[in-house]
Amino acid sequence: MKVIMGEEPLLPNGKRNGEAVRSMLDKIRSQEQKDKESETK
């Protein structure tokens, strides 16, 4: 997934681009962690 810097998405909650990207990456990382844990069981 590519994130284009300098392109401000229109977010209803008014968060800045950097914050939105960071929270999105955190969600993806936690999901990947869950996937890894379920694979090892």
N, C-alpha and C. Protein backbone atom coordinates (compact mmCIF):
# COMPACT_ATOMS: atom_id res chain seq x y z
N MET A 1 0.84 -1.19 0.00
CA MET A 1 0.00 0.00 0.00
C MET A 1 0.88 1.24 0.00
N LYS A 2 0.60 2.14 -0.92
CA LYS A 2 1.41 3.35 -1.02
C LYS A 2 0.69 4.51 -0.36
N VAL A 3 1.42 5.27 0.42
CA VAL A 3 0.87 6.49 1.01
C VAL A 3 1.55 7.66 0.32
N ILE A 4 0.75 8.48 -0.34
CA ILE A 4 1.31 9.62 -1.07
C ILE A 4 1.42 10.79 -0.11
N MET A 5 2.65 11.22 0.15
CA MET A 5 2.86 12.34 1.08
C MET A 5 2.47 13.65 0.41
N GLY A 6 1.93 14.55 1.20
CA GLY A 6 1.52 15.84 0.68
C GLY A 6 0.09 15.85 0.17
N GLU A 7 -0.51 14.68 0.11
CA GLU A 7 -1.89 14.60 -0.35
C GLU A 7 -2.79 14.43 0.88
N GLU A 8 -3.49 15.49 1.24
CA GLU A 8 -4.31 15.46 2.45
C GLU A 8 -5.65 14.79 2.15
N PRO A 9 -5.92 13.67 2.80
CA PRO A 9 -7.24 13.06 2.63
C PRO A 9 -8.29 13.86 3.39
N LEU A 10 -9.53 13.84 2.91
CA LEU A 10 -10.60 14.55 3.60
C LEU A 10 -11.18 13.62 4.65
N LEU A 11 -10.79 13.88 5.90
CA LEU A 11 -11.24 13.02 6.99
C LEU A 11 -12.33 13.73 7.79
N PRO A 12 -13.43 13.03 8.05
CA PRO A 12 -14.54 13.64 8.79
C PRO A 12 -14.16 14.04 10.21
N ASN A 13 -13.20 13.33 10.81
CA ASN A 13 -12.84 13.64 12.19
C ASN A 13 -11.81 14.76 12.27
N GLY A 14 -11.34 15.26 11.12
CA GLY A 14 -10.45 16.41 11.11
C GLY A 14 -9.02 16.10 11.52
N LYS A 15 -8.66 14.84 11.56
CA LYS A 15 -7.27 14.49 11.90
C LYS A 15 -6.35 14.86 10.74
N ARG A 16 -5.11 15.19 11.08
CA ARG A 16 -4.14 15.45 10.03
C ARG A 16 -3.71 14.14 9.39
N ASN A 17 -3.13 14.26 8.19
CA ASN A 17 -2.72 13.09 7.42
C ASN A 17 -1.81 12.17 8.21
N GLY A 18 -0.79 12.74 8.86
CA GLY A 18 0.18 11.95 9.61
C GLY A 18 -0.48 11.13 10.71
N GLU A 19 -1.41 11.74 11.42
CA GLU A 19 -2.09 11.02 12.50
C GLU A 19 -2.93 9.88 11.96
N ALA A 20 -3.62 10.14 10.86
CA ALA A 20 -4.47 9.12 10.26
C ALA A 20 -3.64 7.93 9.78
N VAL A 21 -2.51 8.25 9.12
CA VAL A 21 -1.64 7.19 8.62
C VAL A 21 -1.08 6.38 9.78
N ARG A 22 -0.67 7.06 10.85
CA ARG A 22 -0.07 6.38 12.00
C ARG A 22 -1.09 5.43 12.64
N SER A 23 -2.32 5.91 12.84
CA SER A 23 -3.34 5.05 13.46
C SER A 23 -3.69 3.88 12.55
N MET A 24 -3.69 4.14 11.23
CA MET A 24 -3.99 3.06 10.28
C MET A 24 -2.89 2.00 10.32
N LEU A 25 -1.63 2.46 10.36
CA LEU A 25 -0.51 1.51 10.43
C LEU A 25 -0.56 0.72 11.74
N ASP A 26 -0.94 1.38 12.84
CA ASP A 26 -1.06 0.67 14.12
C ASP A 26 -2.11 -0.43 14.02
N LYS A 27 -3.23 -0.13 13.39
CA LYS A 27 -4.28 -1.15 13.23
C LYS A 27 -3.78 -2.31 12.40
N ILE A 28 -3.08 -2.00 11.30
CA ILE A 28 -2.55 -3.06 10.43
C ILE A 28 -1.54 -3.91 11.19
N ARG A 29 -0.66 -3.26 11.95
CA ARG A 29 0.35 -4.01 12.71
C ARG A 29 -0.29 -4.92 13.75
N SER A 30 -1.27 -4.41 14.48
CA SER A 30 -1.91 -5.24 15.50
C SER A 30 -2.66 -6.41 14.84
N GLN A 31 -3.23 -6.17 13.66
CA GLN A 31 -3.92 -7.24 12.95
C GLN A 31 -2.92 -8.31 12.49
N GLU A 32 -1.76 -7.87 11.99
CA GLU A 32 -0.73 -8.82 11.57
C GLU A 32 -0.23 -9.62 12.77
N GLN A 33 -0.11 -8.98 13.91
CA GLN A 33 0.33 -9.66 15.12
C GLN A 33 -0.67 -10.75 15.51
N LYS A 34 -1.96 -10.42 15.43
CA LYS A 34 -3.00 -11.41 15.73
C LYS A 34 -2.93 -12.57 14.75
N ASP A 35 -2.70 -12.26 13.48
CA ASP A 35 -2.60 -13.31 12.46
C ASP A 35 -1.43 -14.25 12.76
N LYS A 36 -0.28 -13.68 13.14
CA LYS A 36 0.89 -14.49 13.46
C LYS A 36 0.61 -15.40 14.65
N GLU A 37 -0.04 -14.82 15.68
CA GLU A 37 -0.33 -15.60 16.89
C GLU A 37 -1.27 -16.76 16.57
N SER A 38 -2.26 -16.51 15.72
CA SER A 38 -3.21 -17.59 15.39
C SER A 38 -2.54 -18.65 14.53
N GLU A 39 -1.54 -18.27 13.72
CA GLU A 39 -0.85 -19.25 12.88
C GLU A 39 0.01 -20.20 13.72
N THR A 40 0.61 -19.69 14.80
CA THR A 40 1.53 -20.52 15.59
C THR A 40 0.78 -21.51 16.48
N LYS A 41 -0.54 -21.28 16.68
CA LYS A 41 -1.28 -22.19 17.55
C LYS A 41 -1.55 -23.51 16.84
